[in-house]
């Protein structure tokens, strides 16, 4: 959770920097995307971080063509872009749960029926 707080703080700072510019150009888009990816890589795998950050920049450019978004607007865009993605920790927990279930199933399947149903 601490990582995600850092993630939002970095993105808010990036949003403020972009907000000082008169509008979006290739450099501000690239800078915003790079800052986002650097922060997103803390909590997400690289594929998801790339997808989230591409979504984030596209949403900001589309909704705020003059790069005049407030930090709350940037946070809302990020929250929207993160939906549907699991953090690396969530993915690991899910994988661990699946592995544990498979292990339990294999143990159950290896037991003779008489042990399962006396």
PDB file of N, CA and C in Angstrom:
ATOM      1  N   UNK A   1       0.820  -1.179   0.000  1.00  0.00           N
ATOM      2  CA  UNK A   1       0.000   0.000   0.000  1.00  0.00           C
ATOM      3  C   UNK A   1       0.872   1.253   0.000  1.00  0.00           C
ATOM      4  N   UNK A   2       2.003   1.169   0.712  1.00  0.00           N
ATOM      5  CA  UNK A   2       2.917   2.299   0.761  1.00  0.00           C
ATOM      6  C   UNK A   2       3.445   2.613  -0.642  1.00  0.00           C
ATOM      7  N   UNK A   3       3.682   1.575  -1.426  1.00  0.00           N
ATOM      8  CA  UNK A   3       4.180   1.764  -2.790  1.00  0.00           C
ATOM      9  C   UNK A   3       3.180   2.531  -3.634  1.00  0.00           C
ATOM     10  N   UNK A   4       1.912   2.216  -3.474  1.00  0.00           N
ATOM     11  CA  UNK A   4       0.893   2.898  -4.265  1.00  0.00           C
ATOM     12  C   UNK A   4       0.769   4.355  -3.857  1.00  0.00           C
ATOM     13  N   UNK A   5       0.996   4.673  -2.577  1.00  0.00           N
ATOM     14  CA  UNK A   5       0.988   6.068  -2.147  1.00  0.00           C
ATOM     15  C   UNK A   5       2.122   6.833  -2.812  1.00  0.00           C
ATOM     16  N   UNK A   6       3.297   6.207  -2.898  1.00  0.00           N
ATOM     17  CA  UNK A   6       4.425   6.822  -3.597  1.00  0.00           C
ATOM     18  C   UNK A   6       4.073   7.001  -5.070  1.00  0.00           C
ATOM     19  N   UNK A   7       3.421   6.008  -5.632  1.00  0.00           N
ATOM     20  CA  UNK A   7       3.000   6.054  -7.029  1.00  0.00           C
ATOM     21  C   UNK A   7       2.130   7.280  -7.291  1.00  0.00           C
ATOM     22  N   UNK A   8       1.136   7.482  -6.431  1.00  0.00           N
ATOM     23  CA  UNK A   8       0.245   8.631  -6.607  1.00  0.00           C
ATOM     24  C   UNK A   8       0.970   9.951  -6.391  1.00  0.00           C
ATOM     25  N   UNK A   9       1.888   9.995  -5.453  1.00  0.00           N
ATOM     26  CA  UNK A   9       2.635  11.223  -5.198  1.00  0.00           C
ATOM     27  C   UNK A   9       3.483  11.610  -6.404  1.00  0.00           C
ATOM     28  N   UNK A  10       4.142  10.626  -7.010  1.00  0.00           N
ATOM     29  CA  UNK A  10       4.965  10.906  -8.190  1.00  0.00           C
ATOM     30  C   UNK A  10       4.084  11.371  -9.349  1.00  0.00           C
ATOM     31  N   UNK A  11       2.946  10.732  -9.513  1.00  0.00           N
ATOM     32  CA  UNK A  11       2.054  11.134 -10.598  1.00  0.00           C
ATOM     33  C   UNK A  11       1.480  12.516 -10.368  1.00  0.00           C
ATOM     34  N   UNK A  12       1.164  12.849  -9.138  1.00  0.00           N
ATOM     35  CA  UNK A  12       0.654  14.189  -8.837  1.00  0.00           C
ATOM     36  C   UNK A  12       1.710  15.240  -9.157  1.00  0.00           C
ATOM     37  N   UNK A  13       2.960  14.948  -8.806  1.00  0.00           N
ATOM     38  CA  UNK A  13       4.045  15.872  -9.123  1.00  0.00           C
ATOM     39  C   UNK A  13       4.206  16.021 -10.631  1.00  0.00           C
ATOM     40  N   UNK A  14       4.104  14.923 -11.345  1.00  0.00           N
ATOM     41  CA  UNK A  14       4.197  14.986 -12.814  1.00  0.00           C
ATOM     42  C   UNK A  14       3.051  15.790 -13.392  1.00  0.00           C
ATOM     43  N   UNK A  15       1.865  15.618 -12.834  1.00  0.00           N
ATOM     44  CA  UNK A  15       0.706  16.362 -13.313  1.00  0.00           C
ATOM     45  C   UNK A  15       0.887  17.863 -13.092  1.00  0.00           C
ATOM     46  N   UNK A  16       1.483  18.213 -11.965  1.00  0.00           N
ATOM     47  CA  UNK A  16       1.736  19.627 -11.706  1.00  0.00           C
ATOM     48  C   UNK A  16       2.743  20.211 -12.681  1.00  0.00           C
ATOM     49  N   UNK A  17       3.776  19.443 -12.998  1.00  0.00           N
ATOM     50  CA  UNK A  17       4.773  19.916 -13.955  1.00  0.00           C
ATOM     51  C   UNK A  17       4.157  20.136 -15.333  1.00  0.00           C
ATOM     52  N   UNK A  18       3.324  19.191 -15.740  1.00  0.00           N
ATOM     53  CA  UNK A  18       2.679  19.313 -17.043  1.00  0.00           C
ATOM     54  C   UNK A  18       1.707  20.480 -17.030  1.00  0.00           C
ATOM     55  N   UNK A  19       1.060  20.710 -15.898  1.00  0.00           N
ATOM     56  CA  UNK A  19       0.074  21.788 -15.802  1.00  0.00           C
ATOM     57  C   UNK A  19       0.709  23.156 -16.002  1.00  0.00           C
ATOM     58  N   UNK A  20       2.010  23.277 -15.780  1.00  0.00           N
ATOM     59  CA  UNK A  20       2.698  24.550 -15.986  1.00  0.00           C
ATOM     60  C   UNK A  20       2.928  24.839 -17.464  1.00  0.00           C
ATOM     61  N   UNK A  21       2.768  23.858 -18.314  1.00  0.00           N
ATOM     62  CA  UNK A  21       2.977  24.016 -19.745  1.00  0.00           C
ATOM     63  C   UNK A  21       1.691  24.496 -20.417  1.00  0.00           C
ATOM     64  N   UNK A  22       1.807  25.174 -21.549  1.00  0.00           N
ATOM     65  CA  UNK A  22       0.620  25.686 -22.231  1.00  0.00           C
ATOM     66  C   UNK A  22      -0.214  24.601 -22.927  1.00  0.00           C
ATOM     67  N   UNK A  23       0.270  23.432 -23.032  1.00  0.00           N
ATOM     68  CA  UNK A  23      -0.468  22.353 -23.680  1.00  0.00           C
ATOM     69  C   UNK A  23       0.423  21.143 -23.837  1.00  0.00           C
ATOM     70  N   UNK A  24      -0.159  20.100 -24.396  1.00  0.00           N
ATOM     71  CA  UNK A  24       0.588  18.859 -24.584  1.00  0.00           C
ATOM     72  C   UNK A  24       1.434  18.935 -25.842  1.00  0.00           C
ATOM     73  N   UNK A  25       2.641  18.447 -25.761  1.00  0.00           N
ATOM     74  CA  UNK A  25       3.471  18.236 -26.939  1.00  0.00           C
ATOM     75  C   UNK A  25       4.150  16.881 -26.748  1.00  0.00           C
ATOM     76  N   UNK A  26       4.913  16.467 -27.709  1.00  0.00           N
ATOM     77  CA  UNK A  26       5.535  15.138 -27.622  1.00  0.00           C
ATOM     78  C   UNK A  26       6.422  14.993 -26.391  1.00  0.00           C
ATOM     79  N   UNK A  27       7.124  16.063 -26.026  1.00  0.00           N
ATOM     80  CA  UNK A  27       8.012  15.995 -24.864  1.00  0.00           C
ATOM     81  C   UNK A  27       7.226  15.848 -23.561  1.00  0.00           C
ATOM     82  N   UNK A  28       6.151  16.617 -23.397  1.00  0.00           N
ATOM     83  CA  UNK A  28       5.386  16.521 -22.148  1.00  0.00           C
ATOM     84  C   UNK A  28       4.661  15.179 -22.060  1.00  0.00           C
ATOM     85  N   UNK A  29       4.190  14.670 -23.185  1.00  0.00           N
ATOM     86  CA  UNK A  29       3.567  13.347 -23.175  1.00  0.00           C
ATOM     87  C   UNK A  29       4.584  12.280 -22.779  1.00  0.00           C
ATOM     88  N   UNK A  30       5.759  12.341 -23.392  1.00  0.00           N
ATOM     89  CA  UNK A  30       6.805  11.351 -23.102  1.00  0.00           C
ATOM     90  C   UNK A  30       7.267  11.461 -21.655  1.00  0.00           C
ATOM     91  N   UNK A  31       7.427  12.662 -21.169  1.00  0.00           N
ATOM     92  CA  UNK A  31       7.859  12.862 -19.797  1.00  0.00           C
ATOM     93  C   UNK A  31       6.810  12.331 -18.809  1.00  0.00           C
ATOM     94  N   UNK A  32       5.562  12.628 -19.076  1.00  0.00           N
ATOM     95  CA  UNK A  32       4.484  12.154 -18.209  1.00  0.00           C
ATOM     96  C   UNK A  32       4.411  10.637 -18.236  1.00  0.00           C
ATOM     97  N   UNK A  33       4.525  10.055 -19.419  1.00  0.00           N
ATOM     98  CA  UNK A  33       4.494   8.597 -19.559  1.00  0.00           C
ATOM     99  C   UNK A  33       5.680   7.966 -18.823  1.00  0.00           C
ATOM    100  N   UNK A  34       6.870   8.545 -18.987  1.00  0.00           N
ATOM    101  CA  UNK A  34       8.064   8.003 -18.336  1.00  0.00           C
ATOM    102  C   UNK A  34       7.955   8.085 -16.815  1.00  0.00           C
ATOM    103  N   UNK A  35       7.490   9.219 -16.302  1.00  0.00           N
ATOM    104  CA  UNK A  35       7.311   9.362 -14.854  1.00  0.00           C
ATOM    105  C   UNK A  35       6.287   8.367 -14.340  1.00  0.00           C
ATOM    106  N   UNK A  36       5.234   8.192 -15.091  1.00  0.00           N
ATOM    107  CA  UNK A  36       4.192   7.241 -14.714  1.00  0.00           C
ATOM    108  C   UNK A  36       4.761   5.825 -14.681  1.00  0.00           C
ATOM    109  N   UNK A  37       5.500   5.443 -15.709  1.00  0.00           N
ATOM    110  CA  UNK A  37       6.062   4.088 -15.773  1.00  0.00           C
ATOM    111  C   UNK A  37       7.055   3.838 -14.654  1.00  0.00           C
ATOM    112  N   UNK A  38       7.825   4.862 -14.313  1.00  0.00           N
ATOM    113  CA  UNK A  38       8.779   4.711 -13.220  1.00  0.00           C
ATOM    114  C   UNK A  38       8.018   4.443 -11.916  1.00  0.00           C
ATOM    115  N   UNK A  39       6.963   5.182 -11.687  1.00  0.00           N
ATOM    116  CA  UNK A  39       6.176   5.000 -10.469  1.00  0.00           C
ATOM    117  C   UNK A  39       5.362   3.709 -10.518  1.00  0.00           C
ATOM    118  N   UNK A  40       4.767   3.405 -11.656  1.00  0.00           N
ATOM    119  CA  UNK A  40       3.912   2.219 -11.780  1.00  0.00           C
ATOM    120  C   UNK A  40       4.705   0.935 -11.639  1.00  0.00           C
ATOM    121  N   UNK A  41       5.963   0.960 -12.024  1.00  0.00           N
ATOM    122  CA  UNK A  41       6.771  -0.261 -11.942  1.00  0.00           C
ATOM    123  C   UNK A  41       7.011  -0.690 -10.502  1.00  0.00           C
ATOM    124  N   UNK A  42       6.725   0.191  -9.546  1.00  0.00           N
ATOM    125  CA  UNK A  42       6.861  -0.166  -8.130  1.00  0.00           C
ATOM    126  C   UNK A  42       5.787  -1.178  -7.744  1.00  0.00           C
ATOM    127  N   UNK A  43       4.574  -0.988  -8.261  1.00  0.00           N
ATOM    128  CA  UNK A  43       3.475  -1.846  -7.845  1.00  0.00           C
ATOM    129  C   UNK A  43       2.959  -2.818  -8.883  1.00  0.00           C
ATOM    130  N   UNK A  44       3.311  -2.603 -10.146  1.00  0.00           N
ATOM    131  CA  UNK A  44       2.765  -3.414 -11.232  1.00  0.00           C
ATOM    132  C   UNK A  44       3.888  -4.020 -12.062  1.00  0.00           C
ATOM    133  N   UNK A  45       3.594  -5.131 -12.744  1.00  0.00           N
ATOM    134  CA  UNK A  45       4.605  -5.677 -13.649  1.00  0.00           C
ATOM    135  C   UNK A  45       4.720  -4.745 -14.854  1.00  0.00           C
ATOM    136  N   UNK A  46       5.768  -4.902 -15.626  1.00  0.00           N
ATOM    137  CA  UNK A  46       6.077  -3.931 -16.681  1.00  0.00           C
ATOM    138  C   UNK A  46       4.994  -3.854 -17.761  1.00  0.00           C
ATOM    139  N   UNK A  47       4.396  -4.979 -18.108  1.00  0.00           N
ATOM    140  CA  UNK A  47       3.338  -4.960 -19.124  1.00  0.00           C
ATOM    141  C   UNK A  47       2.145  -4.158 -18.652  1.00  0.00           C
ATOM    142  N   UNK A  48       1.716  -4.409 -17.418  1.00  0.00           N
ATOM    143  CA  UNK A  48       0.578  -3.679 -16.871  1.00  0.00           C
ATOM    144  C   UNK A  48       0.926  -2.207 -16.659  1.00  0.00           C
ATOM    145  N   UNK A  49       2.130  -1.933 -16.184  1.00  0.00           N
ATOM    146  CA  UNK A  49       2.550  -0.546 -15.974  1.00  0.00           C
ATOM    147  C   UNK A  49       2.512   0.226 -17.296  1.00  0.00           C
ATOM    148  N   UNK A  50       2.986  -0.392 -18.369  1.00  0.00           N
ATOM    149  CA  UNK A  50       2.944   0.263 -19.681  1.00  0.00           C
ATOM    150  C   UNK A  50       1.514   0.546 -20.115  1.00  0.00           C
ATOM    151  N   UNK A  51       0.641  -0.426 -19.958  1.00  0.00           N
ATOM    152  CA  UNK A  51      -0.755  -0.254 -20.368  1.00  0.00           C
ATOM    153  C   UNK A  51      -1.444   0.818 -19.520  1.00  0.00           C
ATOM    154  N   UNK A  52      -1.205   0.798 -18.224  1.00  0.00           N
ATOM    155  CA  UNK A  52      -1.811   1.790 -17.333  1.00  0.00           C
ATOM    156  C   UNK A  52      -1.334   3.186 -17.710  1.00  0.00           C
ATOM    157  N   UNK A  53      -0.052   3.342 -17.937  1.00  0.00           N
ATOM    158  CA  UNK A  53       0.499   4.659 -18.233  1.00  0.00           C
ATOM    159  C   UNK A  53       0.087   5.167 -19.610  1.00  0.00           C
ATOM    160  N   UNK A  54      -0.014   4.285 -20.583  1.00  0.00           N
ATOM    161  CA  UNK A  54      -0.520   4.706 -21.893  1.00  0.00           C
ATOM    162  C   UNK A  54      -1.946   5.207 -21.760  1.00  0.00           C
ATOM    163  N   UNK A  55      -2.763   4.480 -21.013  1.00  0.00           N
ATOM    164  CA  UNK A  55      -4.142   4.884 -20.751  1.00  0.00           C
ATOM    165  C   UNK A  55      -4.166   6.244 -20.055  1.00  0.00           C
ATOM    166  N   UNK A  56      -3.334   6.390 -19.044  1.00  0.00           N
ATOM    167  CA  UNK A  56      -3.280   7.620 -18.247  1.00  0.00           C
ATOM    168  C   UNK A  56      -2.972   8.834 -19.118  1.00  0.00           C
ATOM    169  N   UNK A  57      -1.919   8.744 -19.902  1.00  0.00           N
ATOM    170  CA  UNK A  57      -1.535   9.873 -20.752  1.00  0.00           C
ATOM    171  C   UNK A  57      -2.629  10.154 -21.783  1.00  0.00           C
ATOM    172  N   UNK A  58      -3.162   9.113 -22.397  1.00  0.00           N
ATOM    173  CA  UNK A  58      -4.220   9.312 -23.399  1.00  0.00           C
ATOM    174  C   UNK A  58      -5.447   9.989 -22.794  1.00  0.00           C
ATOM    175  N   UNK A  59      -5.830   9.575 -21.583  1.00  0.00           N
ATOM    176  CA  UNK A  59      -6.986  10.197 -20.921  1.00  0.00           C
ATOM    177  C   UNK A  59      -6.728  11.673 -20.633  1.00  0.00           C
ATOM    178  N   UNK A  60      -5.538  11.971 -20.119  1.00  0.00           N
ATOM    179  CA  UNK A  60      -5.229  13.363 -19.807  1.00  0.00           C
ATOM    180  C   UNK A  60      -5.203  14.234 -21.057  1.00  0.00           C
ATOM    181  N   UNK A  61      -4.578  13.741 -22.105  1.00  0.00           N
ATOM    182  CA  UNK A  61      -4.485  14.509 -23.344  1.00  0.00           C
ATOM    183  C   UNK A  61      -5.874  14.740 -23.942  1.00  0.00           C
ATOM    184  N   UNK A  62      -6.699  13.706 -23.884  1.00  0.00           N
ATOM    185  CA  UNK A  62      -8.045  13.813 -24.450  1.00  0.00           C
ATOM    186  C   UNK A  62      -8.936  14.752 -23.637  1.00  0.00           C
ATOM    187  N   UNK A  63      -8.893  14.598 -22.320  1.00  0.00           N
ATOM    188  CA  UNK A  63      -9.793  15.373 -21.468  1.00  0.00           C
ATOM    189  C   UNK A  63      -9.271  16.783 -21.174  1.00  0.00           C
ATOM    190  N   UNK A  64      -7.961  16.951 -21.176  1.00  0.00           N
ATOM    191  CA  UNK A  64      -7.352  18.242 -20.855  1.00  0.00           C
ATOM    192  C   UNK A  64      -6.329  18.625 -21.928  1.00  0.00           C
ATOM    193  N   UNK A  65      -6.772  18.994 -23.114  1.00  0.00           N
ATOM    194  CA  UNK A  65      -5.840  19.277 -24.212  1.00  0.00           C
ATOM    195  C   UNK A  65      -4.883  20.434 -23.919  1.00  0.00           C
ATOM    196  N   UNK A  66      -5.247  21.300 -22.990  1.00  0.00           N
ATOM    197  CA  UNK A  66      -4.369  22.414 -22.631  1.00  0.00           C
ATOM    198  C   UNK A  66      -3.446  22.049 -21.467  1.00  0.00           C
ATOM    199  N   UNK A  67      -3.476  20.787 -21.054  1.00  0.00           N
ATOM    200  CA  UNK A  67      -2.668  20.297 -19.926  1.00  0.00           C
ATOM    201  C   UNK A  67      -2.968  21.098 -18.667  1.00  0.00           C
ATOM    202  N   UNK A  68      -4.239  21.390 -18.465  1.00  0.00           N
ATOM    203  CA  UNK A  68      -4.640  22.205 -17.321  1.00  0.00           C
ATOM    204  C   UNK A  68      -5.370  21.381 -16.258  1.00  0.00           C
ATOM    205  N   UNK A  69      -5.054  20.116 -16.160  1.00  0.00           N
ATOM    206  CA  UNK A  69      -5.703  19.254 -15.178  1.00  0.00           C
ATOM    207  C   UNK A  69      -5.198  19.568 -13.770  1.00  0.00           C
ATOM    208  N   UNK A  70      -6.095  19.412 -12.832  1.00  0.00           N
ATOM    209  CA  UNK A  70      -5.744  19.553 -11.418  1.00  0.00           C
ATOM    210  C   UNK A  70      -5.226  18.206 -10.926  1.00  0.00           C
ATOM    211  N   UNK A  71      -4.510  18.189  -9.816  1.00  0.00           N
ATOM    212  CA  UNK A  71      -4.045  16.902  -9.278  1.00  0.00           C
ATOM    213  C   UNK A  71      -5.182  15.907  -9.059  1.00  0.00           C
ATOM    214  N   UNK A  72      -6.334  16.390  -8.633  1.00  0.00           N
ATOM    215  CA  UNK A  72      -7.476  15.483  -8.437  1.00  0.00           C
ATOM    216  C   UNK A  72      -7.927  14.886  -9.766  1.00  0.00           C
ATOM    217  N   UNK A  73      -7.843  15.657 -10.844  1.00  0.00           N
ATOM    218  CA  UNK A  73      -8.196  15.146 -12.171  1.00  0.00           C
ATOM    219  C   UNK A  73      -7.212  14.064 -12.604  1.00  0.00           C
ATOM    220  N   UNK A  74      -5.934  14.298 -12.337  1.00  0.00           N
ATOM    221  CA  UNK A  74      -4.909  13.315 -12.693  1.00  0.00           C
ATOM    222  C   UNK A  74      -5.099  12.038 -11.887  1.00  0.00           C
ATOM    223  N   UNK A  75      -5.425  12.191 -10.613  1.00  0.00           N
ATOM    224  CA  UNK A  75      -5.641  11.017  -9.770  1.00  0.00           C
ATOM    225  C   UNK A  75      -6.856  10.225 -10.235  1.00  0.00           C
ATOM    226  N   UNK A  76      -7.916  10.931 -10.631  1.00  0.00           N
ATOM    227  CA  UNK A  76      -9.112  10.248 -11.134  1.00  0.00           C
ATOM    228  C   UNK A  76      -8.803   9.487 -12.415  1.00  0.00           C
ATOM    229  N   UNK A  77      -8.012  10.087 -13.295  1.00  0.00           N
ATOM    230  CA  UNK A  77      -7.626   9.409 -14.535  1.00  0.00           C
ATOM    231  C   UNK A  77      -6.808   8.166 -14.221  1.00  0.00           C
ATOM    232  N   UNK A  78      -5.899   8.272 -13.256  1.00  0.00           N
ATOM    233  CA  UNK A  78      -5.058   7.128 -12.889  1.00  0.00           C
ATOM    234  C   UNK A  78      -5.911   6.018 -12.285  1.00  0.00           C
ATOM    235  N   UNK A  79      -6.818   6.378 -11.404  1.00  0.00           N
ATOM    236  CA  UNK A  79      -7.686   5.381 -10.782  1.00  0.00           C
ATOM    237  C   UNK A  79      -8.481   4.640 -11.840  1.00  0.00           C
ATOM    238  N   UNK A  80      -8.991   5.373 -12.805  1.00  0.00           N
ATOM    239  CA  UNK A  80      -9.756   4.761 -13.892  1.00  0.00           C
ATOM    240  C   UNK A  80      -8.879   3.818 -14.712  1.00  0.00           C
ATOM    241  N   UNK A  81      -7.659   4.238 -14.990  1.00  0.00           N
ATOM    242  CA  UNK A  81      -6.756   3.419 -15.799  1.00  0.00           C
ATOM    243  C   UNK A  81      -6.258   2.181 -15.051  1.00  0.00           C
ATOM    244  N   UNK A  82      -6.189   2.249 -13.738  1.00  0.00           N
ATOM    245  CA  UNK A  82      -5.730   1.109 -12.947  1.00  0.00           C
ATOM    246  C   UNK A  82      -6.801   0.041 -12.785  1.00  0.00           C
ATOM    247  N   UNK A  83      -8.050   0.406 -12.997  1.00  0.00           N
ATOM    248  CA  UNK A  83      -9.117  -0.581 -12.783  1.00  0.00           C
ATOM    249  C   UNK A  83      -8.935  -1.750 -13.739  1.00  0.00           C
ATOM    250  N   UNK A  84      -9.105  -2.931 -13.215  1.00  0.00           N
ATOM    251  CA  UNK A  84      -8.948  -4.137 -14.016  1.00  0.00           C
ATOM    252  C   UNK A  84      -7.544  -4.730 -13.975  1.00  0.00           C
ATOM    253  N   UNK A  85      -6.607  -4.012 -13.367  1.00  0.00           N
ATOM    254  CA  UNK A  85      -5.239  -4.520 -13.251  1.00  0.00           C
ATOM    255  C   UNK A  85      -4.963  -4.887 -11.804  1.00  0.00           C
ATOM    256  N   UNK A  86      -4.252  -5.983 -11.622  1.00  0.00           N
ATOM    257  CA  UNK A  86      -3.839  -6.388 -10.283  1.00  0.00           C
ATOM    258  C   UNK A  86      -2.393  -5.965 -10.065  1.00  0.00           C
ATOM    259  N   UNK A  87      -2.101  -5.563  -8.845  1.00  0.00           N
ATOM    260  CA  UNK A  87      -0.710  -5.246  -8.523  1.00  0.00           C
ATOM    261  C   UNK A  87       0.104  -6.537  -8.558  1.00  0.00           C
ATOM    262  N   UNK A  88       1.399  -6.395  -8.587  1.00  0.00           N
ATOM    263  CA  UNK A  88       2.279  -7.569  -8.574  1.00  0.00           C
ATOM    264  C   UNK A  88       2.034  -8.404  -7.329  1.00  0.00           C
ATOM    265  N   UNK A  89       1.797  -7.745  -6.208  1.00  0.00           N
ATOM    266  CA  UNK A  89       1.545  -8.463  -4.965  1.00  0.00           C
ATOM    267  C   UNK A  89       0.228  -9.242  -5.049  1.00  0.00           C
ATOM    268  N   UNK A  90      -0.799  -8.626  -5.614  1.00  0.00           N
ATOM    269  CA  UNK A  90      -2.080  -9.318  -5.762  1.00  0.00           C
ATOM    270  C   UNK A  90      -1.949 -10.524  -6.687  1.00  0.00           C
ATOM    271  N   UNK A  91      -1.189 -10.358  -7.769  1.00  0.00           N
ATOM    272  CA  UNK A  91      -0.962 -11.478  -8.685  1.00  0.00           C
ATOM    273  C   UNK A  91      -0.228 -12.618  -7.991  1.00  0.00           C
ATOM    274  N   UNK A  92       0.761 -12.282  -7.177  1.00  0.00           N
ATOM    275  CA  UNK A  92       1.525 -13.308  -6.470  1.00  0.00           C
ATOM    276  C   UNK A  92       0.644 -14.039  -5.469  1.00  0.00           C
ATOM    277  N   UNK A  93      -0.192 -13.279  -4.758  1.00  0.00           N
ATOM    278  CA  UNK A  93      -1.098 -13.904  -3.794  1.00  0.00           C
ATOM    279  C   UNK A  93      -2.075 -14.845  -4.496  1.00  0.00           C
ATOM    280  N   UNK A  94      -2.577 -14.443  -5.639  1.00  0.00           N
ATOM    281  CA  UNK A  94      -3.501 -15.288  -6.402  1.00  0.00           C
ATOM    282  C   UNK A  94      -2.791 -16.552  -6.896  1.00  0.00           C
ATOM    283  N   UNK A  95      -1.566 -16.388  -7.372  1.00  0.00           N
ATOM    284  CA  UNK A  95      -0.795 -17.541  -7.837  1.00  0.00           C
ATOM    285  C   UNK A  95      -0.493 -18.495  -6.681  1.00  0.00           C
ATOM    286  N   UNK A  96      -0.169 -17.935  -5.526  1.00  0.00           N
ATOM    287  CA  UNK A  96       0.096 -18.771  -4.349  1.00  0.00           C
ATOM    288  C   UNK A  96      -1.157 -19.542  -3.938  1.00  0.00           C
ATOM    289  N   UNK A  97      -2.298 -18.882  -3.963  1.00  0.00           N
ATOM    290  CA  UNK A  97      -3.568 -19.547  -3.626  1.00  0.00           C
ATOM    291  C   UNK A  97      -3.866 -20.678  -4.603  1.00  0.00           C
ATOM    292  N   UNK A  98      -3.656 -20.422  -5.889  1.00  0.00           N
ATOM    293  CA  UNK A  98      -3.909 -21.444  -6.906  1.00  0.00           C
ATOM    294  C   UNK A  98      -2.967 -22.631  -6.711  1.00  0.00           C
ATOM    295  N   UNK A  99      -1.710 -22.347  -6.415  1.00  0.00           N
ATOM    296  CA  UNK A  99      -0.739 -23.428  -6.189  1.00  0.00           C
ATOM    297  C   UNK A  99      -1.121 -24.247  -4.968  1.00  0.00           C
ATOM    298  N   UNK A 100      -1.576 -23.585  -3.929  1.00  0.00           N
ATOM    299  CA  UNK A 100      -1.991 -24.289  -2.714  1.00  0.00           C
ATOM    300  C   UNK A 100      -3.205 -25.162  -2.986  1.00  0.00           C
ATOM    301  N   UNK A 101      -4.141 -24.666  -3.775  1.00  0.00           N
ATOM    302  CA  UNK A 101      -5.327 -25.463  -4.116  1.00  0.00           C
ATOM    303  C   UNK A 101      -4.935 -26.676  -4.958  1.00  0.00           C
ATOM    304  N   UNK A 102      -4.013 -26.495  -5.885  1.00  0.00           N
ATOM    305  CA  UNK A 102      -3.560 -27.612  -6.710  1.00  0.00           C
ATOM    306  C   UNK A 102      -2.855 -28.654  -5.844  1.00  0.00           C
ATOM    307  N   UNK A 103      -2.052 -28.188  -4.900  1.00  0.00           N
ATOM    308  CA  UNK A 103      -1.347 -29.099  -4.006  1.00  0.00           C
ATOM    309  C   UNK A 103      -2.353 -29.877  -3.158  1.00  0.00           C
ATOM    310  N   UNK A 104      -3.348 -29.202  -2.646  1.00  0.00           N
ATOM    311  CA  UNK A 104      -4.372 -29.876  -1.834  1.00  0.00           C
ATOM    312  C   UNK A 104      -5.141 -30.885  -2.677  1.00  0.00           C
ATOM    313  N   UNK A 105      -5.465 -30.526  -3.916  1.00  0.00           N
ATOM    314  CA  UNK A 105      -6.169 -31.450  -4.807  1.00  0.00           C
ATOM    315  C   UNK A 105      -5.322 -32.677  -5.116  1.00  0.00           C
ATOM    316  N   UNK A 106      -4.031 -32.468  -5.338  1.00  0.00           N
ATOM    317  CA  UNK A 106      -3.171 -33.614  -5.664  1.00  0.00           C
ATOM    318  C   UNK A 106      -3.027 -34.545  -4.457  1.00  0.00           C
ATOM    319  N   UNK A 107      -2.986 -33.978  -3.273  1.00  0.00           N
ATOM    320  CA  UNK A 107      -2.924 -34.813  -2.063  1.00  0.00           C
ATOM    321  C   UNK A 107      -4.223 -35.593  -1.916  1.00  0.00           C
ATOM    322  N   UNK A 108      -5.345 -34.918  -2.116  1.00  0.00           N
ATOM    323  CA  UNK A 108      -6.647 -35.581  -2.017  1.00  0.00           C
ATOM    324  C   UNK A 108      -6.776 -36.691  -3.049  1.00  0.00           C
ATOM    325  N   UNK A 109      -6.324 -36.433  -4.252  1.00  0.00           N
ATOM    326  CA  UNK A 109      -6.411 -37.435  -5.319  1.00  0.00           C
ATOM    327  C   UNK A 109      -5.476 -38.614  -5.081  1.00  0.00           C
ATOM    328  N   UNK A 110      -4.405 -38.406  -4.355  1.00  0.00           N
ATOM    329  CA  UNK A 110      -3.451 -39.485  -4.080  1.00  0.00           C
ATOM    330  C   UNK A 110      -3.916 -40.396  -2.949  1.00  0.00           C
ATOM    331  N   UNK A 111      -4.861 -39.932  -2.160  1.00  0.00           N
ATOM    332  CA  UNK A 111      -5.362 -40.739  -1.043  1.00  0.00           C
ATOM    333  C   UNK A 111      -6.318 -41.800  -1.550  1.00  0.00           C
ATOM    334  N   UNK A 112      -6.238 -42.993  -0.959  1.00  0.00           N
ATOM    335  CA  UNK A 112      -7.203 -44.034  -1.339  1.00  0.00           C
ATOM    336  C   UNK A 112      -8.613 -43.602  -0.905  1.00  0.00           C
ATOM    337  N   UNK A 113      -9.599 -44.061  -1.652  1.00  0.00           N
ATOM    338  CA  UNK A 113     -10.999 -43.739  -1.362  1.00  0.00           C
ATOM    339  C   UNK A 113     -11.399 -44.126   0.054  1.00  0.00           C
ATOM    340  N   UNK A 114     -10.828 -45.184   0.570  1.00  0.00           N
ATOM    341  CA  UNK A 114     -11.197 -45.627   1.911  1.00  0.00           C
ATOM    342  C   UNK A 114     -10.778 -44.633   2.976  1.00  0.00           C
ATOM    343  N   UNK A 115      -9.710 -43.875   2.703  1.00  0.00           N
ATOM    344  CA  UNK A 115      -9.284 -42.867   3.672  1.00  0.00           C
ATOM    345  C   UNK A 115     -10.192 -41.639   3.600  1.00  0.00           C
ATOM    346  N   UNK A 116     -10.698 -41.363   2.440  1.00  0.00           N
ATOM    347  CA  UNK A 116     -11.553 -40.198   2.258  1.00  0.00           C
ATOM    348  C   UNK A 116     -12.976 -40.465   2.753  1.00  0.00           C
ATOM    349  N   UNK A 117     -13.450 -41.712   2.548  1.00  0.00           N
ATOM    350  CA  UNK A 117     -14.810 -42.094   2.916  1.00  0.00           C
ATOM    351  C   UNK A 117     -14.762 -43.377   3.752  1.00  0.00           C
ATOM    352  N   UNK A 118     -14.503 -43.273   5.035  1.00  0.00           N
ATOM    353  CA  UNK A 118     -14.374 -44.512   5.848  1.00  0.00           C
ATOM    354  C   UNK A 118     -15.673 -45.240   6.022  1.00  0.00           C
TER     355      UNK A 118
END
